[in-house]
Amino acid sequence: MELHVHHRYYDEGKDPWDYPSEALVTLCKDCHEYERREWKKNLDILGWVLARAGFISDDLIYLAEFIHNGDLAIFEIMKNLRQIQVQP
């Protein structure tokens, strides 16, 4: 089985070997191809879901900042502020 190292993210100007272990995941070749192929489609779906929930582009910046800082509670706060009811 052929294994690949998948980078969860890339930083401009950084060499592929200069990432911390938590930024890397080992995948088989087929899973790695799937991940790369499906990433954009899944981002589009996430955007659609957030838009349907009432989020606007500025909300996404705040959400990204809070996720980056490890505070996922902002999602609940934003839902309550907007009195949004997310459909399953």
C-alpha atoms as a PDB file:
ATOM      1  CA  MET A   1       0.000   0.000   0.000  1.00  0.00           C
ATOM      2  CA  GLU A   2       1.320   3.398  -0.974  1.00  0.00           C
ATOM      3  CA  LEU A   3       1.051   6.005   1.778  1.00  0.00           C
ATOM      4  CA  HIS A   4       1.022   9.772   1.341  1.00  0.00           C
ATOM      5  CA  VAL A   5       1.485  12.629   3.780  1.00  0.00           C
ATOM      6  CA  HIS A   6      -1.409  15.040   3.474  1.00  0.00           C
ATOM      7  CA  HIS A   7      -0.979  18.640   4.674  1.00  0.00           C
ATOM      8  CA  ARG A   8      -4.126  19.907   6.365  1.00  0.00           C
ATOM      9  CA  TYR A   9      -3.125  23.420   5.309  1.00  0.00           C
ATOM     10  CA  TYR A  10      -0.360  25.293   3.527  1.00  0.00           C
ATOM     11  CA  ASP A  11       1.315  28.540   4.522  1.00  0.00           C
ATOM     12  CA  GLU A  12       2.763  30.674   1.746  1.00  0.00           C
ATOM     13  CA  GLY A  13       6.564  30.472   1.611  1.00  0.00           C
ATOM     14  CA  LYS A  14       6.806  27.484   3.942  1.00  0.00           C
ATOM     15  CA  ASP A  15       8.545  24.312   2.779  1.00  0.00           C
ATOM     16  CA  PRO A  16       6.432  21.118   2.933  1.00  0.00           C
ATOM     17  CA  TRP A  17       8.747  19.594   5.559  1.00  0.00           C
ATOM     18  CA  ASP A  18       8.519  22.629   7.880  1.00  0.00           C
ATOM     19  CA  TYR A  19       5.045  21.853   9.280  1.00  0.00           C
ATOM     20  CA  PRO A  20       4.212  20.585  12.771  1.00  0.00           C
ATOM     21  CA  SER A  21       2.986  17.010  13.097  1.00  0.00           C
ATOM     22  CA  GLU A  22      -0.585  18.107  13.841  1.00  0.00           C
ATOM     23  CA  ALA A  23      -0.748  19.722  10.383  1.00  0.00           C
ATOM     24  CA  LEU A  24      -0.038  16.359   8.741  1.00  0.00           C
ATOM     25  CA  VAL A  25      -2.043  13.189   8.318  1.00  0.00           C
ATOM     26  CA  THR A  26      -1.065   9.902   6.689  1.00  0.00           C
ATOM     27  CA  LEU A  27      -3.481   8.678   4.019  1.00  0.00           C
ATOM     28  CA  CYS A  28      -3.394   5.891   1.493  1.00  0.00           C
ATOM     29  CA  LYS A  29      -2.949   7.036  -2.098  1.00  0.00           C
ATOM     30  CA  ASP A  30      -6.659   6.674  -2.977  1.00  0.00           C
ATOM     31  CA  CYS A  31      -7.776   8.520   0.176  1.00  0.00           C
ATOM     32  CA  HIS A  32      -5.310  11.325  -0.509  1.00  0.00           C
ATOM     33  CA  GLU A  33      -6.620  11.745  -4.050  1.00  0.00           C
ATOM     34  CA  TYR A  34     -10.173  11.720  -2.709  1.00  0.00           C
ATOM     35  CA  GLU A  35      -9.338  14.361  -0.071  1.00  0.00           C
ATOM     36  CA  ARG A  36      -7.762  16.695  -2.613  1.00  0.00           C
ATOM     37  CA  ARG A  37     -10.595  16.207  -5.097  1.00  0.00           C
ATOM     38  CA  GLU A  38     -13.443  16.616  -2.605  1.00  0.00           C
ATOM     39  CA  TRP A  39     -12.083  19.527  -0.542  1.00  0.00           C
ATOM     40  CA  LYS A  40     -13.450  22.286  -2.791  1.00  0.00           C
ATOM     41  CA  LYS A  41     -16.832  20.593  -3.153  1.00  0.00           C
ATOM     42  CA  ASN A  42     -17.143  20.212   0.614  1.00  0.00           C
ATOM     43  CA  LEU A  43     -16.191  23.861   1.170  1.00  0.00           C
ATOM     44  CA  ASP A  44     -18.969  24.844  -1.228  1.00  0.00           C
ATOM     45  CA  ILE A  45     -21.435  22.699   0.739  1.00  0.00           C
ATOM     46  CA  LEU A  46     -20.295  24.236   4.027  1.00  0.00           C
ATOM     47  CA  GLY A  47     -20.749  27.714   2.534  1.00  0.00           C
ATOM     48  CA  TRP A  48     -24.239  26.808   1.362  1.00  0.00           C
ATOM     49  CA  VAL A  49     -25.195  25.477   4.815  1.00  0.00           C
ATOM     50  CA  LEU A  50     -23.849  28.573   6.579  1.00  0.00           C
ATOM     51  CA  ALA A  51     -25.634  30.883   4.130  1.00  0.00           C
ATOM     52  CA  ARG A  52     -28.905  29.001   4.695  1.00  0.00           C
ATOM     53  CA  ALA A  53     -28.348  29.442   8.429  1.00  0.00           C
ATOM     54  CA  GLY A  54     -28.186  33.215   7.930  1.00  0.00           C
ATOM     55  CA  PHE A  55     -24.454  33.801   8.066  1.00  0.00           C
ATOM     56  CA  ILE A  56     -22.945  36.560   5.922  1.00  0.00           C
ATOM     57  CA  SER A  57     -19.339  36.928   4.729  1.00  0.00           C
ATOM     58  CA  ASP A  58     -18.195  38.990   7.733  1.00  0.00           C
ATOM     59  CA  ASP A  59     -19.569  36.288  10.031  1.00  0.00           C
ATOM     60  CA  LEU A  60     -17.278  33.783   8.336  1.00  0.00           C
ATOM     61  CA  ILE A  61     -14.214  35.870   9.184  1.00  0.00           C
ATOM     62  CA  TYR A  62     -15.249  36.017  12.851  1.00  0.00           C
ATOM     63  CA  LEU A  63     -16.053  32.312  12.854  1.00  0.00           C
ATOM     64  CA  ALA A  64     -12.651  31.510  11.338  1.00  0.00           C
ATOM     65  CA  GLU A  65     -10.884  33.629  13.950  1.00  0.00           C
ATOM     66  CA  PHE A  66     -12.682  31.925  16.812  1.00  0.00           C
ATOM     67  CA  ILE A  67     -12.046  28.456  15.401  1.00  0.00           C
ATOM     68  CA  HIS A  68      -8.383  29.353  14.943  1.00  0.00           C
ATOM     69  CA  ASN A  69      -8.249  30.474  18.566  1.00  0.00           C
ATOM     70  CA  GLY A  70      -9.991  27.294  19.730  1.00  0.00           C
ATOM     71  CA  ASP A  71     -13.292  28.902  20.764  1.00  0.00           C
ATOM     72  CA  LEU A  72     -16.100  27.065  18.963  1.00  0.00           C
ATOM     73  CA  ALA A  73     -18.672  28.552  21.343  1.00  0.00           C
ATOM     74  CA  ILE A  74     -18.909  31.567  19.014  1.00  0.00           C
ATOM     75  CA  PHE A  75     -21.017  29.477  16.642  1.00  0.00           C
ATOM     76  CA  GLU A  76     -23.685  29.114  19.348  1.00  0.00           C
ATOM     77  CA  ILE A  77     -23.415  32.775  20.290  1.00  0.00           C
ATOM     78  CA  MET A  78     -23.854  33.895  16.686  1.00  0.00           C
ATOM     79  CA  LYS A  79     -26.844  31.586  16.225  1.00  0.00           C
ATOM     80  CA  ASN A  80     -28.484  33.028  19.332  1.00  0.00           C
ATOM     81  CA  LEU A  81     -27.762  36.635  18.368  1.00  0.00           C
ATOM     82  CA  ARG A  82     -29.362  36.133  14.981  1.00  0.00           C
ATOM     83  CA  GLN A  83     -32.076  33.874  16.362  1.00  0.00           C
ATOM     84  CA  ILE A  84     -31.238  31.409  13.657  1.00  0.00           C
ATOM     85  CA  GLN A  85     -32.743  27.998  13.570  1.00  0.00           C
ATOM     86  CA  VAL A  86     -30.416  25.724  11.602  1.00  0.00           C
ATOM     87  CA  GLN A  87     -32.313  23.124   9.613  1.00  0.00           C
ATOM     88  CA  PRO A  88     -30.943  19.548   9.765  1.00  0.00           C
END
